[in-house]
């Protein structure tokens, strides 16, 4: 079964850096739109980043709350996408998810009916 597996995250340092990997199995990530979300306790899911695919590959969106602190990169050979974030704040405490979809509209515009989700990674940044 195609799926996404996340690794990294955990207990971070205030002002430190975070790196989470999201590896695809059973499909090629490069063919998909990719997004990163997070959900803090008691809050709605928040889309942090999205990049389109195919004809929409030039579409990139980064949430204001992480702009300038967040970098997303791909390693095609490892079929993996990485989220890196620096200058961590206590407000960054959340469960982080990667997601992939053949449709940038489903993933990056409406964020519904998404093909694949990672299992989620807890990140804690103590204040």
PDB file of N, CA and C in Angstrom:
ATOM      1  N   UNK A   1       0.834  -1.186   0.000  1.00  0.00           N
ATOM      2  CA  UNK A   1       0.000   0.000   0.000  1.00  0.00           C
ATOM      3  C   UNK A   1       0.876   1.246   0.000  1.00  0.00           C
ATOM      4  N   UNK A   2       0.614   2.183  -0.906  1.00  0.00           N
ATOM      5  CA  UNK A   2       1.377   3.430  -0.886  1.00  0.00           C
ATOM      6  C   UNK A   2       1.140   4.176   0.412  1.00  0.00           C
ATOM      7  N   UNK A   3       2.190   4.776   0.927  1.00  0.00           N
ATOM      8  CA  UNK A   3       2.026   5.529   2.158  1.00  0.00           C
ATOM      9  C   UNK A   3       3.189   6.487   2.355  1.00  0.00           C
ATOM     10  N   UNK A   4       3.031   7.366   3.337  1.00  0.00           N
ATOM     11  CA  UNK A   4       4.060   8.326   3.738  1.00  0.00           C
ATOM     12  C   UNK A   4       4.489   8.003   5.165  1.00  0.00           C
ATOM     13  N   UNK A   5       5.790   8.018   5.393  1.00  0.00           N
ATOM     14  CA  UNK A   5       6.325   7.755   6.730  1.00  0.00           C
ATOM     15  C   UNK A   5       7.163   8.950   7.164  1.00  0.00           C
ATOM     16  N   UNK A   6       6.829   9.485   8.324  1.00  0.00           N
ATOM     17  CA  UNK A   6       7.552  10.642   8.859  1.00  0.00           C
ATOM     18  C   UNK A   6       8.562  10.199   9.901  1.00  0.00           C
ATOM     19  N   UNK A   7       9.626  10.988  10.010  1.00  0.00           N
ATOM     20  CA  UNK A   7      10.619  10.781  11.057  1.00  0.00           C
ATOM     21  C   UNK A   7      11.202  12.131  11.447  1.00  0.00           C
ATOM     22  N   UNK A   8      11.696  12.198  12.686  1.00  0.00           N
ATOM     23  CA  UNK A   8      12.252  13.438  13.192  1.00  0.00           C
ATOM     24  C   UNK A   8      11.304  14.075  14.194  1.00  0.00           C
ATOM     25  N   UNK A   9      11.563  15.315  14.496  1.00  0.00           N
ATOM     26  CA  UNK A   9      10.728  16.035  15.457  1.00  0.00           C
ATOM     27  C   UNK A   9      11.042  15.608  16.878  1.00  0.00           C
ATOM     28  N   UNK A  10      10.092  15.771  17.773  1.00  0.00           N
ATOM     29  CA  UNK A  10      10.276  15.430  19.177  1.00  0.00           C
ATOM     30  C   UNK A  10      10.395  16.676  20.031  1.00  0.00           C
ATOM     31  N   UNK A  11      11.206  16.564  21.103  1.00  0.00           N
ATOM     32  CA  UNK A  11      11.398  17.685  22.020  1.00  0.00           C
ATOM     33  C   UNK A  11      12.483  18.602  21.472  1.00  0.00           C
ATOM     34  N   UNK A  12      12.118  19.857  21.230  1.00  0.00           N
ATOM     35  CA  UNK A  12      13.029  20.822  20.628  1.00  0.00           C
ATOM     36  C   UNK A  12      13.429  21.876  21.664  1.00  0.00           C
ATOM     37  N   UNK A  13      14.362  22.712  21.269  1.00  0.00           N
ATOM     38  CA  UNK A  13      14.788  23.833  22.115  1.00  0.00           C
ATOM     39  C   UNK A  13      14.185  25.131  21.609  1.00  0.00           C
ATOM     40  N   UNK A  14      13.797  25.973  22.524  1.00  0.00           N
ATOM     41  CA  UNK A  14      13.323  27.303  22.169  1.00  0.00           C
ATOM     42  C   UNK A  14      14.436  28.022  21.397  1.00  0.00           C
ATOM     43  N   UNK A  15      14.069  28.509  20.231  1.00  0.00           N
ATOM     44  CA  UNK A  15      15.061  29.176  19.383  1.00  0.00           C
ATOM     45  C   UNK A  15      15.876  28.231  18.535  1.00  0.00           C
ATOM     46  N   UNK A  16      15.656  26.947  18.680  1.00  0.00           N
ATOM     47  CA  UNK A  16      16.404  25.939  17.945  1.00  0.00           C
ATOM     48  C   UNK A  16      15.814  25.652  16.588  1.00  0.00           C
ATOM     49  N   UNK A  17      16.243  24.523  16.015  1.00  0.00           N
ATOM     50  CA  UNK A  17      15.824  24.139  14.675  1.00  0.00           C
ATOM     51  C   UNK A  17      15.160  22.779  14.690  1.00  0.00           C
ATOM     52  N   UNK A  18      14.297  22.597  13.715  1.00  0.00           N
ATOM     53  CA  UNK A  18      13.504  21.379  13.575  1.00  0.00           C
ATOM     54  C   UNK A  18      13.711  20.809  12.188  1.00  0.00           C
ATOM     55  N   UNK A  19      13.763  19.482  12.100  1.00  0.00           N
ATOM     56  CA  UNK A  19      13.792  18.825  10.795  1.00  0.00           C
ATOM     57  C   UNK A  19      12.934  17.574  10.851  1.00  0.00           C
ATOM     58  N   UNK A  20      12.003  17.499   9.929  1.00  0.00           N
ATOM     59  CA  UNK A  20      11.151  16.323   9.823  1.00  0.00           C
ATOM     60  C   UNK A  20      11.259  15.799   8.397  1.00  0.00           C
ATOM     61  N   UNK A  21      11.451  14.496   8.273  1.00  0.00           N
ATOM     62  CA  UNK A  21      11.500  13.856   6.965  1.00  0.00           C
ATOM     63  C   UNK A  21      10.174  13.167   6.679  1.00  0.00           C
ATOM     64  N   UNK A  22       9.813  13.123   5.415  1.00  0.00           N
ATOM     65  CA  UNK A  22       8.578  12.467   4.985  1.00  0.00           C
ATOM     66  C   UNK A  22       8.924  11.640   3.751  1.00  0.00           C
ATOM     67  N   UNK A  23       8.977  10.335   3.939  1.00  0.00           N
ATOM     68  CA  UNK A  23       9.381   9.450   2.851  1.00  0.00           C
ATOM     69  C   UNK A  23       8.179   8.728   2.268  1.00  0.00           C
ATOM     70  N   UNK A  24       8.095   8.730   0.949  1.00  0.00           N
ATOM     71  CA  UNK A  24       7.005   8.044   0.265  1.00  0.00           C
ATOM     72  C   UNK A  24       7.407   6.626  -0.072  1.00  0.00           C
ATOM     73  N   UNK A  25       6.439   5.749   0.033  1.00  0.00           N
ATOM     74  CA  UNK A  25       6.625   4.359  -0.361  1.00  0.00           C
ATOM     75  C   UNK A  25       5.467   3.968  -1.265  1.00  0.00           C
ATOM     76  N   UNK A  26       5.811   3.375  -2.403  1.00  0.00           N
ATOM     77  CA  UNK A  26       4.757   2.916  -3.302  1.00  0.00           C
ATOM     78  C   UNK A  26       4.302   3.928  -4.330  1.00  0.00           C
ATOM     79  N   UNK A  27       4.866   5.105  -4.294  1.00  0.00           N
ATOM     80  CA  UNK A  27       4.580   6.097  -5.314  1.00  0.00           C
ATOM     81  C   UNK A  27       5.738   7.097  -5.343  1.00  0.00           C
ATOM     82  N   UNK A  28       5.804   7.878  -6.418  1.00  0.00           N
ATOM     83  CA  UNK A  28       6.899   8.827  -6.597  1.00  0.00           C
ATOM     84  C   UNK A  28       6.450  10.211  -6.173  1.00  0.00           C
ATOM     85  N   UNK A  29       7.083  10.713  -5.119  1.00  0.00           N
ATOM     86  CA  UNK A  29       6.693  12.011  -4.570  1.00  0.00           C
ATOM     87  C   UNK A  29       6.776  13.133  -5.586  1.00  0.00           C
ATOM     88  N   UNK A  30       7.710  13.023  -6.486  1.00  0.00           N
ATOM     89  CA  UNK A  30       7.927  14.095  -7.449  1.00  0.00           C
ATOM     90  C   UNK A  30       6.721  14.296  -8.355  1.00  0.00           C
ATOM     91  N   UNK A  31       5.843  13.317  -8.452  1.00  0.00           N
ATOM     92  CA  UNK A  31       4.659  13.414  -9.294  1.00  0.00           C
ATOM     93  C   UNK A  31       3.479  14.046  -8.573  1.00  0.00           C
ATOM     94  N   UNK A  32       3.657  14.344  -7.294  1.00  0.00           N
ATOM     95  CA  UNK A  32       2.563  14.784  -6.446  1.00  0.00           C
ATOM     96  C   UNK A  32       2.771  16.203  -5.941  1.00  0.00           C
ATOM     97  N   UNK A  33       1.654  16.875  -5.688  1.00  0.00           N
ATOM     98  CA  UNK A  33       1.699  18.100  -4.899  1.00  0.00           C
ATOM     99  C   UNK A  33       1.996  17.698  -3.457  1.00  0.00           C
ATOM    100  N   UNK A  34       2.793  18.541  -2.769  1.00  0.00           N
ATOM    101  CA  UNK A  34       3.241  18.223  -1.421  1.00  0.00           C
ATOM    102  C   UNK A  34       2.845  19.355  -0.477  1.00  0.00           C
ATOM    103  N   UNK A  35       2.443  18.983   0.728  1.00  0.00           N
ATOM    104  CA  UNK A  35       2.111  20.003   1.720  1.00  0.00           C
ATOM    105  C   UNK A  35       2.557  19.549   3.103  1.00  0.00           C
ATOM    106  N   UNK A  36       2.745  20.543   3.956  1.00  0.00           N
ATOM    107  CA  UNK A  36       2.987  20.311   5.384  1.00  0.00           C
ATOM    108  C   UNK A  36       1.917  21.032   6.169  1.00  0.00           C
ATOM    109  N   UNK A  37       1.369  20.334   7.142  1.00  0.00           N
ATOM    110  CA  UNK A  37       0.352  20.874   8.026  1.00  0.00           C
ATOM    111  C   UNK A  37       0.829  20.696   9.466  1.00  0.00           C
ATOM    112  N   UNK A  38       0.163  21.378  10.356  1.00  0.00           N
ATOM    113  CA  UNK A  38       0.333  21.112  11.775  1.00  0.00           C
ATOM    114  C   UNK A  38      -0.987  21.341  12.483  1.00  0.00           C
ATOM    115  N   UNK A  39      -1.107  20.698  13.622  1.00  0.00           N
ATOM    116  CA  UNK A  39      -2.302  20.889  14.448  1.00  0.00           C
ATOM    117  C   UNK A  39      -1.890  20.922  15.895  1.00  0.00           C
ATOM    118  N   UNK A  40      -2.112  22.051  16.520  1.00  0.00           N
ATOM    119  CA  UNK A  40      -1.841  22.203  17.939  1.00  0.00           C
ATOM    120  C   UNK A  40      -3.063  21.735  18.723  1.00  0.00           C
ATOM    121  N   UNK A  41      -2.827  21.365  19.951  1.00  0.00           N
ATOM    122  CA  UNK A  41      -3.902  20.858  20.797  1.00  0.00           C
ATOM    123  C   UNK A  41      -5.027  21.894  20.896  1.00  0.00           C
ATOM    124  N   UNK A  42      -6.241  21.453  20.614  1.00  0.00           N
ATOM    125  CA  UNK A  42      -7.393  22.326  20.739  1.00  0.00           C
ATOM    126  C   UNK A  42      -7.567  23.329  19.613  1.00  0.00           C
ATOM    127  N   UNK A  43      -6.738  23.213  18.588  1.00  0.00           N
ATOM    128  CA  UNK A  43      -6.815  24.166  17.468  1.00  0.00           C
ATOM    129  C   UNK A  43      -7.075  23.432  16.156  1.00  0.00           C
ATOM    130  N   UNK A  44      -7.492  24.196  15.163  1.00  0.00           N
ATOM    131  CA  UNK A  44      -7.719  23.628  13.838  1.00  0.00           C
ATOM    132  C   UNK A  44      -6.398  23.299  13.165  1.00  0.00           C
ATOM    133  N   UNK A  45      -6.468  22.386  12.230  1.00  0.00           N
ATOM    134  CA  UNK A  45      -5.303  22.076  11.407  1.00  0.00           C
ATOM    135  C   UNK A  45      -4.898  23.302  10.595  1.00  0.00           C
ATOM    136  N   UNK A  46      -3.606  23.492  10.479  1.00  0.00           N
ATOM    137  CA  UNK A  46      -3.061  24.687   9.821  1.00  0.00           C
ATOM    138  C   UNK A  46      -2.121  24.239   8.708  1.00  0.00           C
ATOM    139  N   UNK A  47      -2.347  24.776   7.501  1.00  0.00           N
ATOM    140  CA  UNK A  47      -1.458  24.444   6.387  1.00  0.00           C
ATOM    141  C   UNK A  47      -0.270  25.394   6.411  1.00  0.00           C
ATOM    142  N   UNK A  48       0.917  24.850   6.478  1.00  0.00           N
ATOM    143  CA  UNK A  48       2.135  25.654   6.568  1.00  0.00           C
ATOM    144  C   UNK A  48       2.760  25.906   5.209  1.00  0.00           C
ATOM    145  N   UNK A  49       2.660  24.932   4.338  1.00  0.00           N
ATOM    146  CA  UNK A  49       3.374  25.016   3.065  1.00  0.00           C
ATOM    147  C   UNK A  49       2.698  24.104   2.067  1.00  0.00           C
ATOM    148  N   UNK A  50       2.699  24.528   0.802  1.00  0.00           N
ATOM    149  CA  UNK A  50       2.194  23.674  -0.250  1.00  0.00           C
ATOM    150  C   UNK A  50       2.906  24.000  -1.553  1.00  0.00           C
ATOM    151  N   UNK A  51       3.200  22.976  -2.319  1.00  0.00           N
ATOM    152  CA  UNK A  51       3.792  23.170  -3.638  1.00  0.00           C
ATOM    153  C   UNK A  51       3.054  22.272  -4.619  1.00  0.00           C
ATOM    154  N   UNK A  52       2.738  22.836  -5.777  1.00  0.00           N
ATOM    155  CA  UNK A  52       1.983  22.100  -6.770  1.00  0.00           C
ATOM    156  C   UNK A  52       2.830  21.090  -7.528  1.00  0.00           C
ATOM    157  N   UNK A  53       2.203  20.424  -8.464  1.00  0.00           N
ATOM    158  CA  UNK A  53       2.858  19.416  -9.286  1.00  0.00           C
ATOM    159  C   UNK A  53       2.453  19.605 -10.740  1.00  0.00           C
ATOM    160  N   UNK A  54       3.180  18.954 -11.620  1.00  0.00           N
ATOM    161  CA  UNK A  54       2.852  19.013 -13.036  1.00  0.00           C
ATOM    162  C   UNK A  54       2.755  20.457 -13.527  1.00  0.00           C
ATOM    163  N   UNK A  55       1.637  20.753 -14.176  1.00  0.00           N
ATOM    164  CA  UNK A  55       1.430  22.107 -14.695  1.00  0.00           C
ATOM    165  C   UNK A  55       1.352  23.147 -13.582  1.00  0.00           C
ATOM    166  N   UNK A  56       1.105  22.709 -12.368  1.00  0.00           N
ATOM    167  CA  UNK A  56       1.011  23.624 -11.227  1.00  0.00           C
ATOM    168  C   UNK A  56       2.281  23.613 -10.387  1.00  0.00           C
ATOM    169  N   UNK A  57       3.369  23.096 -10.917  1.00  0.00           N
ATOM    170  CA  UNK A  57       4.595  22.953 -10.123  1.00  0.00           C
ATOM    171  C   UNK A  57       5.180  24.291  -9.720  1.00  0.00           C
ATOM    172  N   UNK A  58       4.799  25.361 -10.420  1.00  0.00           N
ATOM    173  CA  UNK A  58       5.296  26.664 -10.043  1.00  0.00           C
ATOM    174  C   UNK A  58       4.541  27.291  -8.885  1.00  0.00           C
ATOM    175  N   UNK A  59       3.487  26.649  -8.460  1.00  0.00           N
ATOM    176  CA  UNK A  59       2.675  27.173  -7.350  1.00  0.00           C
ATOM    177  C   UNK A  59       3.328  26.792  -6.033  1.00  0.00           C
ATOM    178  N   UNK A  60       3.630  27.780  -5.231  1.00  0.00           N
ATOM    179  CA  UNK A  60       4.172  27.553  -3.891  1.00  0.00           C
ATOM    180  C   UNK A  60       3.502  28.505  -2.933  1.00  0.00           C
ATOM    181  N   UNK A  61       3.164  28.002  -1.779  1.00  0.00           N
ATOM    182  CA  UNK A  61       2.513  28.838  -0.758  1.00  0.00           C
ATOM    183  C   UNK A  61       3.137  28.527   0.595  1.00  0.00           C
ATOM    184  N   UNK A  62       3.472  29.580   1.323  1.00  0.00           N
ATOM    185  CA  UNK A  62       4.003  29.428   2.684  1.00  0.00           C
ATOM    186  C   UNK A  62       3.169  30.297   3.613  1.00  0.00           C
ATOM    187  N   UNK A  63       2.738  29.726   4.727  1.00  0.00           N
ATOM    188  CA  UNK A  63       1.919  30.471   5.682  1.00  0.00           C
ATOM    189  C   UNK A  63       2.714  31.603   6.314  1.00  0.00           C
ATOM    190  N   UNK A  64       2.046  32.708   6.563  1.00  0.00           N
ATOM    191  CA  UNK A  64       2.707  33.875   7.156  1.00  0.00           C
ATOM    192  C   UNK A  64       3.363  33.543   8.485  1.00  0.00           C
ATOM    193  N   UNK A  65       2.735  32.656   9.243  1.00  0.00           N
ATOM    194  CA  UNK A  65       3.211  32.369  10.593  1.00  0.00           C
ATOM    195  C   UNK A  65       4.594  31.706  10.597  1.00  0.00           C
ATOM    196  N   UNK A  66       4.990  31.105   9.474  1.00  0.00           N
ATOM    197  CA  UNK A  66       6.299  30.439   9.416  1.00  0.00           C
ATOM    198  C   UNK A  66       7.191  30.997   8.306  1.00  0.00           C
ATOM    199  N   UNK A  67       6.687  31.972   7.567  1.00  0.00           N
ATOM    200  CA  UNK A  67       7.482  32.498   6.446  1.00  0.00           C
ATOM    201  C   UNK A  67       8.791  33.073   6.965  1.00  0.00           C
ATOM    202  N   UNK A  68       9.870  32.726   6.279  1.00  0.00           N
ATOM    203  CA  UNK A  68      11.194  33.179   6.695  1.00  0.00           C
ATOM    204  C   UNK A  68      11.863  32.220   7.664  1.00  0.00           C
ATOM    205  N   UNK A  69      11.107  31.311   8.249  1.00  0.00           N
ATOM    206  CA  UNK A  69      11.658  30.323   9.188  1.00  0.00           C
ATOM    207  C   UNK A  69      11.597  28.910   8.638  1.00  0.00           C
ATOM    208  N   UNK A  70      10.771  28.693   7.620  1.00  0.00           N
ATOM    209  CA  UNK A  70      10.510  27.341   7.137  1.00  0.00           C
ATOM    210  C   UNK A  70      11.113  27.132   5.755  1.00  0.00           C
ATOM    211  N   UNK A  71      11.724  25.968   5.591  1.00  0.00           N
ATOM    212  CA  UNK A  71      12.268  25.557   4.296  1.00  0.00           C
ATOM    213  C   UNK A  71      11.794  24.140   4.018  1.00  0.00           C
ATOM    214  N   UNK A  72      11.346  23.916   2.802  1.00  0.00           N
ATOM    215  CA  UNK A  72      10.962  22.565   2.396  1.00  0.00           C
ATOM    216  C   UNK A  72      11.836  22.163   1.213  1.00  0.00           C
ATOM    217  N   UNK A  73      12.392  20.973   1.293  1.00  0.00           N
ATOM    218  CA  UNK A  73      13.281  20.496   0.225  1.00  0.00           C
ATOM    219  C   UNK A  73      12.944  19.051  -0.110  1.00  0.00           C
ATOM    220  N   UNK A  74      13.409  18.620  -1.260  1.00  0.00           N
ATOM    221  CA  UNK A  74      13.171  17.251  -1.695  1.00  0.00           C
ATOM    222  C   UNK A  74      14.496  16.556  -1.995  1.00  0.00           C
ATOM    223  N   UNK A  75      14.520  15.260  -1.728  1.00  0.00           N
ATOM    224  CA  UNK A  75      15.609  14.401  -2.162  1.00  0.00           C
ATOM    225  C   UNK A  75      14.970  13.354  -3.057  1.00  0.00           C
ATOM    226  N   UNK A  76      15.095  13.556  -4.367  1.00  0.00           N
ATOM    227  CA  UNK A  76      14.425  12.662  -5.302  1.00  0.00           C
ATOM    228  C   UNK A  76      14.936  11.230  -5.180  1.00  0.00           C
ATOM    229  N   UNK A  77      16.221  11.089  -4.963  1.00  0.00           N
ATOM    230  CA  UNK A  77      16.803   9.747  -4.873  1.00  0.00           C
ATOM    231  C   UNK A  77      16.221   8.960  -3.707  1.00  0.00           C
ATOM    232  N   UNK A  78      15.884   9.673  -2.620  1.00  0.00           N
ATOM    233  CA  UNK A  78      15.328   9.015  -1.431  1.00  0.00           C
ATOM    234  C   UNK A  78      13.801   9.081  -1.405  1.00  0.00           C
ATOM    235  N   UNK A  79      13.221   9.721  -2.439  1.00  0.00           N
ATOM    236  CA  UNK A  79      11.766   9.847  -2.501  1.00  0.00           C
ATOM    237  C   UNK A  79      11.233  10.453  -1.200  1.00  0.00           C
ATOM    238  N   UNK A  80      11.926  11.506  -0.767  1.00  0.00           N
ATOM    239  CA  UNK A  80      11.678  12.090   0.550  1.00  0.00           C
ATOM    240  C   UNK A  80      11.595  13.605   0.440  1.00  0.00           C
ATOM    241  N   UNK A  81      10.717  14.175   1.231  1.00  0.00           N
ATOM    242  CA  UNK A  81      10.636  15.630   1.353  1.00  0.00           C
ATOM    243  C   UNK A  81      10.912  15.987   2.811  1.00  0.00           C
ATOM    244  N   UNK A  82      11.571  17.118   3.015  1.00  0.00           N
ATOM    245  CA  UNK A  82      11.985  17.542   4.349  1.00  0.00           C
ATOM    246  C   UNK A  82      11.368  18.882   4.701  1.00  0.00           C
ATOM    247  N   UNK A  83      10.946  18.989   5.940  1.00  0.00           N
ATOM    248  CA  UNK A  83      10.565  20.274   6.506  1.00  0.00           C
ATOM    249  C   UNK A  83      11.649  20.675   7.488  1.00  0.00           C
ATOM    250  N   UNK A  84      12.149  21.882   7.334  1.00  0.00           N
ATOM    251  CA  UNK A  84      13.115  22.432   8.272  1.00  0.00           C
ATOM    252  C   UNK A  84      12.605  23.791   8.730  1.00  0.00           C
ATOM    253  N   UNK A  85      12.678  24.009  10.018  1.00  0.00           N
ATOM    254  CA  UNK A  85      12.205  25.272  10.576  1.00  0.00           C
ATOM    255  C   UNK A  85      13.168  25.717  11.664  1.00  0.00           C
ATOM    256  N   UNK A  86      13.498  27.000  11.657  1.00  0.00           N
ATOM    257  CA  UNK A  86      14.427  27.518  12.654  1.00  0.00           C
ATOM    258  C   UNK A  86      13.724  28.538  13.543  1.00  0.00           C
ATOM    259  N   UNK A  87      14.478  29.078  14.482  1.00  0.00           N
ATOM    260  CA  UNK A  87      13.957  30.077  15.434  1.00  0.00           C
ATOM    261  C   UNK A  87      12.656  29.599  16.058  1.00  0.00           C
ATOM    262  N   UNK A  88      12.673  28.383  16.568  1.00  0.00           N
ATOM    263  CA  UNK A  88      11.458  27.780  17.086  1.00  0.00           C
ATOM    264  C   UNK A  88      10.897  28.551  18.272  1.00  0.00           C
ATOM    265  N   UNK A  89       9.567  28.598  18.302  1.00  0.00           N
ATOM    266  CA  UNK A  89       8.836  29.270  19.363  1.00  0.00           C
ATOM    267  C   UNK A  89       7.960  28.243  20.071  1.00  0.00           C
ATOM    268  N   UNK A  90       7.523  28.581  21.258  1.00  0.00           N
ATOM    269  CA  UNK A  90       6.635  27.657  21.970  1.00  0.00           C
ATOM    270  C   UNK A  90       5.339  27.433  21.189  1.00  0.00           C
ATOM    271  N   UNK A  91       4.949  28.452  20.416  1.00  0.00           N
ATOM    272  CA  UNK A  91       3.725  28.329  19.599  1.00  0.00           C
ATOM    273  C   UNK A  91       3.879  27.328  18.455  1.00  0.00           C
ATOM    274  N   UNK A  92       5.077  26.873  18.201  1.00  0.00           N
ATOM    275  CA  UNK A  92       5.290  25.868  17.160  1.00  0.00           C
ATOM    276  C   UNK A  92       4.988  24.453  17.668  1.00  0.00           C
ATOM    277  N   UNK A  93       4.697  24.331  18.940  1.00  0.00           N
ATOM    278  CA  UNK A  93       4.328  23.028  19.498  1.00  0.00           C
ATOM    279  C   UNK A  93       3.048  22.532  18.843  1.00  0.00           C
ATOM    280  N   UNK A  94       3.122  21.356  18.235  1.00  0.00           N
ATOM    281  CA  UNK A  94       1.987  20.814  17.484  1.00  0.00           C
ATOM    282  C   UNK A  94       2.362  19.439  16.954  1.00  0.00           C
ATOM    283  N   UNK A  95       1.388  18.773  16.379  1.00  0.00           N
ATOM    284  CA  UNK A  95       1.654  17.572  15.588  1.00  0.00           C
ATOM    285  C   UNK A  95       1.775  18.008  14.134  1.00  0.00           C
ATOM    286  N   UNK A  96       2.860  17.626  13.525  1.00  0.00           N
ATOM    287  CA  UNK A  96       3.152  18.020  12.153  1.00  0.00           C
ATOM    288  C   UNK A  96       2.880  16.851  11.217  1.00  0.00           C
ATOM    289  N   UNK A  97       2.270  17.172  10.069  1.00  0.00           N
ATOM    290  CA  UNK A  97       1.899  16.163   9.090  1.00  0.00           C
ATOM    291  C   UNK A  97       2.388  16.561   7.704  1.00  0.00           C
ATOM    292  N   UNK A  98       2.901  15.606   6.958  1.00  0.00           N
ATOM    293  CA  UNK A  98       3.098  15.813   5.527  1.00  0.00           C
ATOM    294  C   UNK A  98       1.913  15.197   4.798  1.00  0.00           C
ATOM    295  N   UNK A  99       1.684  15.662   3.590  1.00  0.00           N
ATOM    296  CA  UNK A  99       0.579  15.162   2.788  1.00  0.00           C
ATOM    297  C   UNK A  99       0.939  15.257   1.317  1.00  0.00           C
ATOM    298  N   UNK A 100       0.341  14.391   0.523  1.00  0.00           N
ATOM    299  CA  UNK A 100       0.598  14.380  -0.916  1.00  0.00           C
ATOM    300  C   UNK A 100      -0.691  14.090  -1.660  1.00  0.00           C
ATOM    301  N   UNK A 101      -0.826  14.719  -2.803  1.00  0.00           N
ATOM    302  CA  UNK A 101      -2.033  14.513  -3.607  1.00  0.00           C
ATOM    303  C   UNK A 101      -1.691  14.764  -5.067  1.00  0.00           C
ATOM    304  N   UNK A 102      -2.360  14.054  -5.955  1.00  0.00           N
ATOM    305  CA  UNK A 102      -2.140  14.286  -7.385  1.00  0.00           C
ATOM    306  C   UNK A 102      -2.733  15.613  -7.821  1.00  0.00           C
ATOM    307  N   UNK A 103      -3.625  16.157  -7.020  1.00  0.00           N
ATOM    308  CA  UNK A 103      -4.293  17.412  -7.351  1.00  0.00           C
ATOM    309  C   UNK A 103      -3.821  18.528  -6.436  1.00  0.00           C
ATOM    310  N   UNK A 104      -3.188  19.537  -7.032  1.00  0.00           N
ATOM    311  CA  UNK A 104      -2.768  20.674  -6.201  1.00  0.00           C
ATOM    312  C   UNK A 104      -3.984  21.402  -5.654  1.00  0.00           C
ATOM    313  N   UNK A 105      -5.104  21.346  -6.367  1.00  0.00           N
ATOM    314  CA  UNK A 105      -6.322  22.006  -5.897  1.00  0.00           C
ATOM    315  C   UNK A 105      -6.814  21.349  -4.607  1.00  0.00           C
ATOM    316  N   UNK A 106      -6.883  20.031  -4.609  1.00  0.00           N
ATOM    317  CA  UNK A 106      -7.327  19.329  -3.397  1.00  0.00           C
ATOM    318  C   UNK A 106      -6.388  19.616  -2.228  1.00  0.00           C
ATOM    319  N   UNK A 107      -5.090  19.662  -2.510  1.00  0.00           N
ATOM    320  CA  UNK A 107      -4.111  19.794  -1.433  1.00  0.00           C
ATOM    321  C   UNK A 107      -3.864  21.246  -1.029  1.00  0.00           C
ATOM    322  N   UNK A 108      -3.637  22.091  -1.991  1.00  0.00           N
ATOM    323  CA  UNK A 108      -3.160  23.444  -1.717  1.00  0.00           C
ATOM    324  C   UNK A 108      -4.267  24.493  -1.663  1.00  0.00           C
ATOM    325  N   UNK A 109      -5.435  24.172  -2.184  1.00  0.00           N
ATOM    326  CA  UNK A 109      -6.510  25.165  -2.196  1.00  0.00           C
ATOM    327  C   UNK A 109      -7.578  24.814  -1.167  1.00  0.00           C
ATOM    328  N   UNK A 110      -8.174  23.638  -1.300  1.00  0.00           N
ATOM    329  CA  UNK A 110      -9.240  23.274  -0.379  1.00  0.00           C
ATOM    330  C   UNK A 110      -8.798  22.325   0.730  1.00  0.00           C
ATOM    331  N   UNK A 111      -7.635  21.693   0.577  1.00  0.00           N
ATOM    332  CA  UNK A 111      -7.116  20.765   1.604  1.00  0.00           C
ATOM    333  C   UNK A 111      -8.162  19.737   2.015  1.00  0.00           C
ATOM    334  N   UNK A 112      -8.793  19.132   1.029  1.00  0.00           N
ATOM    335  CA  UNK A 112      -9.794  18.092   1.278  1.00  0.00           C
ATOM    336  C   UNK A 112      -9.550  16.920   0.329  1.00  0.00           C
ATOM    337  N   UNK A 113     -10.055  15.758   0.726  1.00  0.00           N
ATOM    338  CA  UNK A 113      -9.940  14.545  -0.094  1.00  0.00           C
ATOM    339  C   UNK A 113      -8.494  14.284  -0.509  1.00  0.00           C
ATOM    340  N   UNK A 114      -7.603  14.379   0.437  1.00  0.00           N
ATOM    341  CA  UNK A 114      -6.173  14.256   0.187  1.00  0.00           C
ATOM    342  C   UNK A 114      -5.778  12.794   0.082  1.00  0.00           C
ATOM    343  N   UNK A 115      -4.938  12.494  -0.911  1.00  0.00           N
ATOM    344  CA  UNK A 115      -4.580  11.107  -1.200  1.00  0.00           C
ATOM    345  C   UNK A 115      -3.822  10.445  -0.040  1.00  0.00           C
ATOM    346  N   UNK A 116      -2.758  11.085   0.408  1.00  0.00           N
ATOM    347  CA  UNK A 116      -1.888  10.441   1.406  1.00  0.00           C
ATOM    348  C   UNK A 116      -1.504  11.419   2.503  1.00  0.00           C
ATOM    349  N   UNK A 117      -1.502  10.881   3.714  1.00  0.00           N
ATOM    350  CA  UNK A 117      -1.043  11.627   4.897  1.00  0.00           C
ATOM    351  C   UNK A 117       0.082  10.862   5.573  1.00  0.00           C
ATOM    352  N   UNK A 118       1.054  11.596   6.091  1.00  0.00           N
ATOM    353  CA  UNK A 118       1.995  10.979   6.993  1.00  0.00           C
ATOM    354  C   UNK A 118       1.303  10.682   8.318  1.00  0.00           C
ATOM    355  N   UNK A 119       1.998   9.918   9.168  1.00  0.00           N
ATOM    356  CA  UNK A 119       1.369   9.477  10.411  1.00  0.00           C
ATOM    357  C   UNK A 119       1.348  10.567  11.490  1.00  0.00           C
ATOM    358  N   UNK A 120       2.041  11.653  11.235  1.00  0.00           N
ATOM    359  CA  UNK A 120       2.094  12.742  12.216  1.00  0.00           C
ATOM    360  C   UNK A 120       3.320  12.621  13.104  1.00  0.00           C
ATOM    361  N   UNK A 121       3.881  13.765  13.446  1.00  0.00           N
ATOM    362  CA  UNK A 121       5.081  13.830  14.303  1.00  0.00           C
ATOM    363  C   UNK A 121       4.853  14.900  15.357  1.00  0.00           C
ATOM    364  N   UNK A 122       4.939  14.511  16.612  1.00  0.00           N
ATOM    365  CA  UNK A 122       4.772  15.483  17.690  1.00  0.00           C
ATOM    366  C   UNK A 122       6.042  16.320  17.825  1.00  0.00           C
ATOM    367  N   UNK A 123       5.856  17.608  17.870  1.00  0.00           N
ATOM    368  CA  UNK A 123       6.954  18.545  18.125  1.00  0.00           C
ATOM    369  C   UNK A 123       6.582  19.363  19.359  1.00  0.00           C
ATOM    370  N   UNK A 124       7.484  19.413  20.316  1.00  0.00           N
ATOM    371  CA  UNK A 124       7.263  20.187  21.532  1.00  0.00           C
ATOM    372  C   UNK A 124       8.403  21.182  21.683  1.00  0.00           C
ATOM    373  N   UNK A 125       8.027  22.446  21.804  1.00  0.00           N
ATOM    374  CA  UNK A 125       9.004  23.506  22.038  1.00  0.00           C
ATOM    375  C   UNK A 125       8.648  24.143  23.378  1.00  0.00           C
ATOM    376  N   UNK A 126       9.361  23.811  24.443  1.00  0.00           N
ATOM    377  CA  UNK A 126       9.044  24.350  25.763  1.00  0.00           C
ATOM    378  C   UNK A 126       9.288  25.851  25.809  1.00  0.00           C
ATOM    379  N   UNK A 127       8.448  26.528  26.564  1.00  0.00           N
ATOM    380  CA  UNK A 127       8.621  27.985  26.685  1.00  0.00           C
ATOM    381  C   UNK A 127       9.646  28.332  27.746  1.00  0.00           C
TER     382      UNK A 127
END
